[in-house]
């Protein structure tokens, strides 16, 4: 019976797993464990075949058992629809937002929003899972949906204000994840529906995070971001 059940099962990424495939392998991101997993080209091809064709038997490769044990893959009955991760779509072609030369004055309320965004991002990255953090970003953006700001000048002004506050408190060097998350939350509080992105480059391996509004990259350059495949968009 076990072999019959296995033959009728299919595999899917777990709901808290995201994947990027490339010509040299693949990267999996566990949103619950806050961890990347690098896959060789052989393992990436096995995983791709499993996700597209199903295929389950008592002769599963050891790598498949490792994916299952790590919670990256789950089994589903062949008669049930497979759960699909949210599609990763970013508007393109990418553009840049020029900082305002004469930004608005920094008010006490602005400083409070800046400090709150930074404190929340610091807490989230230290104590929370990426799954929970991404959900919080989506829920906050949804709560501000009716008051959204769509003017490029306003977005540029807010980015300049955030940059001024940031220069007084911390350096953005080698802190792209924290910076992007804090900036995203700061902008959403000001009714700009920014999104938080994590991208990966397979060879040479590197991960990067940035904030984006439509096609506009808010804290990086289109040339730099172009090197990375998005693995999480929230």
C-alpha atoms as a PDB file:
ATOM      1  CA  UNK A   1       0.000   0.000   0.000  1.00  0.00           C
ATOM      2  CA  UNK A   2       2.809   2.408   0.803  1.00  0.00           C
ATOM      3  CA  UNK A   3       4.304   1.998  -2.676  1.00  0.00           C
ATOM      4  CA  UNK A   4       0.868   2.459  -4.279  1.00  0.00           C
ATOM      5  CA  UNK A   5       0.306   5.648  -2.283  1.00  0.00           C
ATOM      6  CA  UNK A   6       3.769   6.919  -3.230  1.00  0.00           C
ATOM      7  CA  UNK A   7       3.134   6.256  -6.894  1.00  0.00           C
ATOM      8  CA  UNK A   8      -0.018   8.400  -6.696  1.00  0.00           C
ATOM      9  CA  UNK A   9       1.640  11.303  -4.899  1.00  0.00           C
ATOM     10  CA  UNK A  10       3.197  14.444  -6.244  1.00  0.00           C
ATOM     11  CA  UNK A  11       5.689  16.913  -4.862  1.00  0.00           C
ATOM     12  CA  UNK A  12       5.415  20.657  -4.341  1.00  0.00           C
ATOM     13  CA  UNK A  13       7.476  23.300  -2.635  1.00  0.00           C
ATOM     14  CA  UNK A  14       6.222  23.870   0.878  1.00  0.00           C
ATOM     15  CA  UNK A  15       4.166  27.071   1.281  1.00  0.00           C
ATOM     16  CA  UNK A  16       7.073  28.683   3.132  1.00  0.00           C
ATOM     17  CA  UNK A  17       9.703  27.874   0.492  1.00  0.00           C
ATOM     18  CA  UNK A  18      10.760  29.951  -2.492  1.00  0.00           C
ATOM     19  CA  UNK A  19      13.036  28.815  -5.326  1.00  0.00           C
ATOM     20  CA  UNK A  20      15.198  30.276  -8.081  1.00  0.00           C
ATOM     21  CA  UNK A  21      16.555  28.110 -10.892  1.00  0.00           C
ATOM     22  CA  UNK A  22      19.508  28.966 -13.115  1.00  0.00           C
ATOM     23  CA  UNK A  23      21.844  27.360 -15.614  1.00  0.00           C
ATOM     24  CA  UNK A  24      24.323  26.388 -12.874  1.00  0.00           C
ATOM     25  CA  UNK A  25      21.942  25.136 -10.175  1.00  0.00           C
ATOM     26  CA  UNK A  26      19.239  26.515  -7.917  1.00  0.00           C
ATOM     27  CA  UNK A  27      18.686  28.300  -4.621  1.00  0.00           C
ATOM     28  CA  UNK A  28      15.900  27.545  -2.167  1.00  0.00           C
ATOM     29  CA  UNK A  29      14.887  29.983   0.560  1.00  0.00           C
ATOM     30  CA  UNK A  30      13.112  28.706   3.654  1.00  0.00           C
ATOM     31  CA  UNK A  31      10.964  31.551   4.981  1.00  0.00           C
ATOM     32  CA  UNK A  32      10.478  29.701   8.262  1.00  0.00           C
ATOM     33  CA  UNK A  33      14.153  28.957   8.906  1.00  0.00           C
ATOM     34  CA  UNK A  34      15.529  32.207   7.392  1.00  0.00           C
ATOM     35  CA  UNK A  35      18.006  30.108   5.459  1.00  0.00           C
ATOM     36  CA  UNK A  36      19.217  29.698   1.887  1.00  0.00           C
ATOM     37  CA  UNK A  37      19.957  26.260   0.430  1.00  0.00           C
ATOM     38  CA  UNK A  38      22.230  25.983  -2.591  1.00  0.00           C
ATOM     39  CA  UNK A  39      21.589  23.151  -5.037  1.00  0.00           C
ATOM     40  CA  UNK A  40      23.995  21.662  -7.534  1.00  0.00           C
ATOM     41  CA  UNK A  41      22.909  21.462 -11.149  1.00  0.00           C
ATOM     42  CA  UNK A  42      22.124  17.746 -10.705  1.00  0.00           C
ATOM     43  CA  UNK A  43      19.920  18.324  -7.663  1.00  0.00           C
ATOM     44  CA  UNK A  44      18.287  21.344  -9.320  1.00  0.00           C
ATOM     45  CA  UNK A  45      17.309  19.221 -12.340  1.00  0.00           C
ATOM     46  CA  UNK A  46      15.907  16.510 -10.049  1.00  0.00           C
ATOM     47  CA  UNK A  47      13.853  19.077  -8.158  1.00  0.00           C
ATOM     48  CA  UNK A  48      12.590  20.734 -11.341  1.00  0.00           C
ATOM     49  CA  UNK A  49      11.504  17.370 -12.716  1.00  0.00           C
ATOM     50  CA  UNK A  50       9.681  16.539  -9.494  1.00  0.00           C
ATOM     51  CA  UNK A  51       7.835  19.856  -9.452  1.00  0.00           C
ATOM     52  CA  UNK A  52       6.780  19.640 -13.098  1.00  0.00           C
ATOM     53  CA  UNK A  53       6.174  15.912 -13.555  1.00  0.00           C
ATOM     54  CA  UNK A  54       5.232  14.586 -10.129  1.00  0.00           C
ATOM     55  CA  UNK A  55       7.175  11.320  -9.982  1.00  0.00           C
ATOM     56  CA  UNK A  56       7.233   9.493  -6.731  1.00  0.00           C
ATOM     57  CA  UNK A  57       8.393   5.961  -6.042  1.00  0.00           C
ATOM     58  CA  UNK A  58      10.371   3.920  -3.594  1.00  0.00           C
ATOM     59  CA  UNK A  59      13.519   4.842  -5.550  1.00  0.00           C
ATOM     60  CA  UNK A  60      13.622   8.533  -4.677  1.00  0.00           C
ATOM     61  CA  UNK A  61      17.092  10.098  -4.831  1.00  0.00           C
ATOM     62  CA  UNK A  62      18.707  10.918  -1.509  1.00  0.00           C
ATOM     63  CA  UNK A  63      18.440  14.638  -2.339  1.00  0.00           C
ATOM     64  CA  UNK A  64      14.644  14.359  -2.488  1.00  0.00           C
ATOM     65  CA  UNK A  65      14.535  12.813   0.973  1.00  0.00           C
ATOM     66  CA  UNK A  66      16.736  15.645   2.212  1.00  0.00           C
ATOM     67  CA  UNK A  67      14.322  18.231   0.757  1.00  0.00           C
ATOM     68  CA  UNK A  68      11.418  16.471   2.460  1.00  0.00           C
ATOM     69  CA  UNK A  69      13.218  16.189   5.807  1.00  0.00           C
ATOM     70  CA  UNK A  70      14.169  19.871   5.701  1.00  0.00           C
ATOM     71  CA  UNK A  71      10.554  20.858   5.091  1.00  0.00           C
ATOM     72  CA  UNK A  72      11.343  22.359   1.697  1.00  0.00           C
ATOM     73  CA  UNK A  73       9.198  19.834  -0.187  1.00  0.00           C
ATOM     74  CA  UNK A  74       5.825  18.339   0.685  1.00  0.00           C
ATOM     75  CA  UNK A  75       3.852  15.429  -0.772  1.00  0.00           C
ATOM     76  CA  UNK A  76       0.370  15.857  -2.176  1.00  0.00           C
ATOM     77  CA  UNK A  77      -2.122  13.321  -3.388  1.00  0.00           C
ATOM     78  CA  UNK A  78      -2.205  13.202  -7.183  1.00  0.00           C
ATOM     79  CA  UNK A  79      -5.953  13.918  -7.161  1.00  0.00           C
ATOM     80  CA  UNK A  80      -5.579  17.195  -5.245  1.00  0.00           C
ATOM     81  CA  UNK A  81      -4.478  20.496  -6.823  1.00  0.00           C
ATOM     82  CA  UNK A  82      -0.943  21.494  -5.924  1.00  0.00           C
ATOM     83  CA  UNK A  83      -0.500  24.694  -3.880  1.00  0.00           C
ATOM     84  CA  UNK A  84       1.455  27.222  -5.901  1.00  0.00           C
ATOM     85  CA  UNK A  85       3.704  29.945  -4.461  1.00  0.00           C
ATOM     86  CA  UNK A  86       2.720  33.512  -5.335  1.00  0.00           C
ATOM     87  CA  UNK A  87       4.023  34.555  -8.759  1.00  0.00           C
ATOM     88  CA  UNK A  88       7.134  36.732  -8.691  1.00  0.00           C
ATOM     89  CA  UNK A  89       6.407  39.736 -10.839  1.00  0.00           C
ATOM     90  CA  UNK A  90       8.250  43.046 -10.829  1.00  0.00           C
ATOM     91  CA  UNK A  91       7.403  45.848 -13.204  1.00  0.00           C
ATOM     92  CA  UNK A  92      10.050  46.515 -15.834  1.00  0.00           C
ATOM     93  CA  UNK A  93      12.111  47.974 -17.350  1.00  0.00           C
ATOM     94  CA  UNK A  94      13.688  49.094 -14.093  1.00  0.00           C
ATOM     95  CA  UNK A  95      14.209  52.784 -13.441  1.00  0.00           C
ATOM     96  CA  UNK A  96      15.825  54.855 -10.715  1.00  0.00           C
ATOM     97  CA  UNK A  97      14.350  57.570  -8.505  1.00  0.00           C
ATOM     98  CA  UNK A  98      16.430  60.705  -8.238  1.00  0.00           C
ATOM     99  CA  UNK A  99      16.712  62.089  -4.704  1.00  0.00           C
ATOM    100  CA  UNK A 100      15.182  65.524  -4.195  1.00  0.00           C
ATOM    101  CA  UNK A 101      17.760  68.292  -4.014  1.00  0.00           C
ATOM    102  CA  UNK A 102      15.683  70.285  -1.514  1.00  0.00           C
ATOM    103  CA  UNK A 103      13.650  67.769   0.493  1.00  0.00           C
ATOM    104  CA  UNK A 104      10.897  68.780   2.863  1.00  0.00           C
ATOM    105  CA  UNK A 105      11.807  69.653   6.432  1.00  0.00           C
ATOM    106  CA  UNK A 106      12.115  66.723   8.800  1.00  0.00           C
ATOM    107  CA  UNK A 107       9.340  66.885  11.370  1.00  0.00           C
ATOM    108  CA  UNK A 108       8.963  65.169  14.727  1.00  0.00           C
ATOM    109  CA  UNK A 109       6.351  62.875  13.184  1.00  0.00           C
ATOM    110  CA  UNK A 110       8.719  61.958  10.352  1.00  0.00           C
ATOM    111  CA  UNK A 111      11.464  61.130  12.849  1.00  0.00           C
ATOM    112  CA  UNK A 112       9.023  59.005  14.799  1.00  0.00           C
ATOM    113  CA  UNK A 113       8.055  57.077  11.645  1.00  0.00           C
ATOM    114  CA  UNK A 114      11.738  56.637  10.739  1.00  0.00           C
ATOM    115  CA  UNK A 115      12.667  55.379  14.207  1.00  0.00           C
ATOM    116  CA  UNK A 116       9.635  53.094  14.278  1.00  0.00           C
ATOM    117  CA  UNK A 117      10.454  51.604  10.867  1.00  0.00           C
ATOM    118  CA  UNK A 118      14.078  50.959  11.857  1.00  0.00           C
ATOM    119  CA  UNK A 119      13.149  49.488  15.238  1.00  0.00           C
ATOM    120  CA  UNK A 120      10.573  47.207  13.635  1.00  0.00           C
ATOM    121  CA  UNK A 121      12.999  46.055  10.910  1.00  0.00           C
ATOM    122  CA  UNK A 122      15.702  45.349  13.507  1.00  0.00           C
ATOM    123  CA  UNK A 123      13.287  43.345  15.656  1.00  0.00           C
ATOM    124  CA  UNK A 124      11.857  41.450  12.684  1.00  0.00           C
ATOM    125  CA  UNK A 125      15.254  40.383  11.355  1.00  0.00           C
ATOM    126  CA  UNK A 126      16.473  39.321  14.787  1.00  0.00           C
ATOM    127  CA  UNK A 127      13.425  37.588  16.233  1.00  0.00           C
ATOM    128  CA  UNK A 128      10.952  36.843  13.450  1.00  0.00           C
ATOM    129  CA  UNK A 129      10.849  34.550  10.450  1.00  0.00           C
ATOM    130  CA  UNK A 130      10.945  35.887   6.907  1.00  0.00           C
ATOM    131  CA  UNK A 131       7.498  34.356   6.456  1.00  0.00           C
ATOM    132  CA  UNK A 132       6.042  36.433   9.298  1.00  0.00           C
ATOM    133  CA  UNK A 133       7.936  39.564   8.252  1.00  0.00           C
ATOM    134  CA  UNK A 134       6.765  39.323   4.643  1.00  0.00           C
ATOM    135  CA  UNK A 135       3.170  38.839   5.813  1.00  0.00           C
ATOM    136  CA  UNK A 136       3.419  41.941   8.035  1.00  0.00           C
ATOM    137  CA  UNK A 137       4.657  44.032   5.106  1.00  0.00           C
ATOM    138  CA  UNK A 138       1.777  42.858   2.901  1.00  0.00           C
ATOM    139  CA  UNK A 139      -0.817  43.507   5.613  1.00  0.00           C
ATOM    140  CA  UNK A 140       0.510  46.995   6.315  1.00  0.00           C
ATOM    141  CA  UNK A 141       0.473  47.876   2.616  1.00  0.00           C
ATOM    142  CA  UNK A 142      -3.096  46.610   2.332  1.00  0.00           C
ATOM    143  CA  UNK A 143      -4.176  48.734   5.306  1.00  0.00           C
ATOM    144  CA  UNK A 144      -2.861  51.851   3.524  1.00  0.00           C
ATOM    145  CA  UNK A 145      -4.268  50.933   0.104  1.00  0.00           C
ATOM    146  CA  UNK A 146      -7.032  53.545   0.141  1.00  0.00           C
ATOM    147  CA  UNK A 147      -4.618  56.380   0.918  1.00  0.00           C
ATOM    148  CA  UNK A 148      -1.887  55.507  -1.554  1.00  0.00           C
ATOM    149  CA  UNK A 149       0.394  58.209  -2.972  1.00  0.00           C
ATOM    150  CA  UNK A 150       1.170  57.931  -6.672  1.00  0.00           C
ATOM    151  CA  UNK A 151       3.308  60.997  -7.360  1.00  0.00           C
ATOM    152  CA  UNK A 152       6.961  60.471  -8.223  1.00  0.00           C
ATOM    153  CA  UNK A 153       7.914  63.785  -6.610  1.00  0.00           C
ATOM    154  CA  UNK A 154       6.433  62.700  -3.286  1.00  0.00           C
ATOM    155  CA  UNK A 155       8.250  59.369  -3.415  1.00  0.00           C
ATOM    156  CA  UNK A 156      11.549  61.086  -4.207  1.00  0.00           C
ATOM    157  CA  UNK A 157      11.006  63.518  -1.332  1.00  0.00           C
ATOM    158  CA  UNK A 158      10.365  60.697   1.144  1.00  0.00           C
ATOM    159  CA  UNK A 159      13.446  58.792  -0.022  1.00  0.00           C
ATOM    160  CA  UNK A 160      15.555  61.914   0.491  1.00  0.00           C
ATOM    161  CA  UNK A 161      14.132  62.419   3.978  1.00  0.00           C
ATOM    162  CA  UNK A 162      14.789  58.772   4.864  1.00  0.00           C
ATOM    163  CA  UNK A 163      18.348  59.147   3.561  1.00  0.00           C
ATOM    164  CA  UNK A 164      18.958  62.219   5.706  1.00  0.00           C
ATOM    165  CA  UNK A 165      17.685  60.450   8.824  1.00  0.00           C
ATOM    166  CA  UNK A 166      19.647  57.313   7.975  1.00  0.00           C
ATOM    167  CA  UNK A 167      22.948  59.162   7.614  1.00  0.00           C
ATOM    168  CA  UNK A 168      22.533  60.428  11.172  1.00  0.00           C
ATOM    169  CA  UNK A 169      21.959  56.982  12.644  1.00  0.00           C
ATOM    170  CA  UNK A 170      23.534  54.114  10.679  1.00  0.00           C
ATOM    171  CA  UNK A 171      25.471  53.233   7.542  1.00  0.00           C
ATOM    172  CA  UNK A 172      23.752  51.297   4.770  1.00  0.00           C
ATOM    173  CA  UNK A 173      26.949  49.489   3.768  1.00  0.00           C
ATOM    174  CA  UNK A 174      26.542  45.697   3.972  1.00  0.00           C
ATOM    175  CA  UNK A 175      23.095  46.150   5.549  1.00  0.00           C
ATOM    176  CA  UNK A 176      20.922  45.946   2.470  1.00  0.00           C
ATOM    177  CA  UNK A 177      18.320  43.646   4.075  1.00  0.00           C
ATOM    178  CA  UNK A 178      17.776  45.911   7.077  1.00  0.00           C
ATOM    179  CA  UNK A 179      17.891  49.083   4.975  1.00  0.00           C
ATOM    180  CA  UNK A 180      15.418  47.817   2.375  1.00  0.00           C
ATOM    181  CA  UNK A 181      12.996  46.531   4.997  1.00  0.00           C
ATOM    182  CA  UNK A 182      13.077  49.736   7.052  1.00  0.00           C
ATOM    183  CA  UNK A 183      12.694  51.905   3.933  1.00  0.00           C
ATOM    184  CA  UNK A 184       9.761  49.818   2.693  1.00  0.00           C
ATOM    185  CA  UNK A 185       7.929  50.159   6.002  1.00  0.00           C
ATOM    186  CA  UNK A 186       8.712  53.896   6.210  1.00  0.00           C
ATOM    187  CA  UNK A 187       7.293  54.486   2.735  1.00  0.00           C
ATOM    188  CA  UNK A 188       4.176  52.401   3.362  1.00  0.00           C
ATOM    189  CA  UNK A 189       3.505  54.441   6.510  1.00  0.00           C
ATOM    190  CA  UNK A 190       3.536  57.467   4.200  1.00  0.00           C
ATOM    191  CA  UNK A 191       1.056  55.761   1.837  1.00  0.00           C
ATOM    192  CA  UNK A 192       3.580  54.714  -0.815  1.00  0.00           C
ATOM    193  CA  UNK A 193       2.864  51.045  -1.758  1.00  0.00           C
ATOM    194  CA  UNK A 194       6.509  49.994  -1.947  1.00  0.00           C
ATOM    195  CA  UNK A 195       7.503  46.331  -2.057  1.00  0.00           C
ATOM    196  CA  UNK A 196      10.366  44.547  -0.334  1.00  0.00           C
ATOM    197  CA  UNK A 197      12.485  42.297  -2.564  1.00  0.00           C
ATOM    198  CA  UNK A 198      15.149  39.673  -1.895  1.00  0.00           C
ATOM    199  CA  UNK A 199      17.128  38.525  -4.924  1.00  0.00           C
ATOM    200  CA  UNK A 200      19.888  35.988  -5.495  1.00  0.00           C
ATOM    201  CA  UNK A 201      22.752  35.562  -7.927  1.00  0.00           C
ATOM    202  CA  UNK A 202      23.810  31.962  -8.417  1.00  0.00           C
ATOM    203  CA  UNK A 203      27.365  32.374  -9.731  1.00  0.00           C
ATOM    204  CA  UNK A 204      29.215  33.816  -7.996  1.00  0.00           C
ATOM    205  CA  UNK A 205      26.754  33.360  -5.144  1.00  0.00           C
ATOM    206  CA  UNK A 206      25.353  36.508  -3.586  1.00  0.00           C
ATOM    207  CA  UNK A 207      22.072  37.712  -2.097  1.00  0.00           C
ATOM    208  CA  UNK A 208      20.772  41.264  -2.172  1.00  0.00           C
ATOM    209  CA  UNK A 209      17.683  43.077  -0.920  1.00  0.00           C
ATOM    210  CA  UNK A 210      16.088  46.294  -2.125  1.00  0.00           C
ATOM    211  CA  UNK A 211      12.875  48.342  -2.015  1.00  0.00           C
ATOM    212  CA  UNK A 212      10.905  48.949  -5.195  1.00  0.00           C
ATOM    213  CA  UNK A 213       7.904  51.030  -6.228  1.00  0.00           C
ATOM    214  CA  UNK A 214       6.483  49.975  -9.565  1.00  0.00           C
ATOM    215  CA  UNK A 215       9.508  49.770 -11.883  1.00  0.00           C
ATOM    216  CA  UNK A 216      11.520  52.197  -9.720  1.00  0.00           C
ATOM    217  CA  UNK A 217      14.374  50.835  -7.616  1.00  0.00           C
ATOM    218  CA  UNK A 218      14.417  52.975  -4.471  1.00  0.00           C
ATOM    219  CA  UNK A 219      17.660  52.160  -2.647  1.00  0.00           C
ATOM    220  CA  UNK A 220      19.926  50.704  -5.321  1.00  0.00           C
ATOM    221  CA  UNK A 221      20.495  51.071  -9.057  1.00  0.00           C
ATOM    222  CA  UNK A 222      18.795  49.197 -11.901  1.00  0.00           C
ATOM    223  CA  UNK A 223      22.227  48.056 -13.101  1.00  0.00           C
ATOM    224  CA  UNK A 224      23.032  46.449  -9.746  1.00  0.00           C
ATOM    225  CA  UNK A 225      19.591  44.923  -9.176  1.00  0.00           C
ATOM    226  CA  UNK A 226      19.591  43.470 -12.701  1.00  0.00           C
ATOM    227  CA  UNK A 227      22.235  40.938 -11.570  1.00  0.00           C
ATOM    228  CA  UNK A 228      19.777  39.267  -9.165  1.00  0.00           C
ATOM    229  CA  UNK A 229      16.800  36.952  -9.655  1.00  0.00           C
ATOM    230  CA  UNK A 230      13.956  37.802  -7.255  1.00  0.00           C
ATOM    231  CA  UNK A 231      13.238  34.967  -4.840  1.00  0.00           C
ATOM    232  CA  UNK A 232      10.917  36.860  -2.462  1.00  0.00           C
ATOM    233  CA  UNK A 233       8.656  39.827  -3.207  1.00  0.00           C
ATOM    234  CA  UNK A 234       6.466  41.170  -0.449  1.00  0.00           C
END
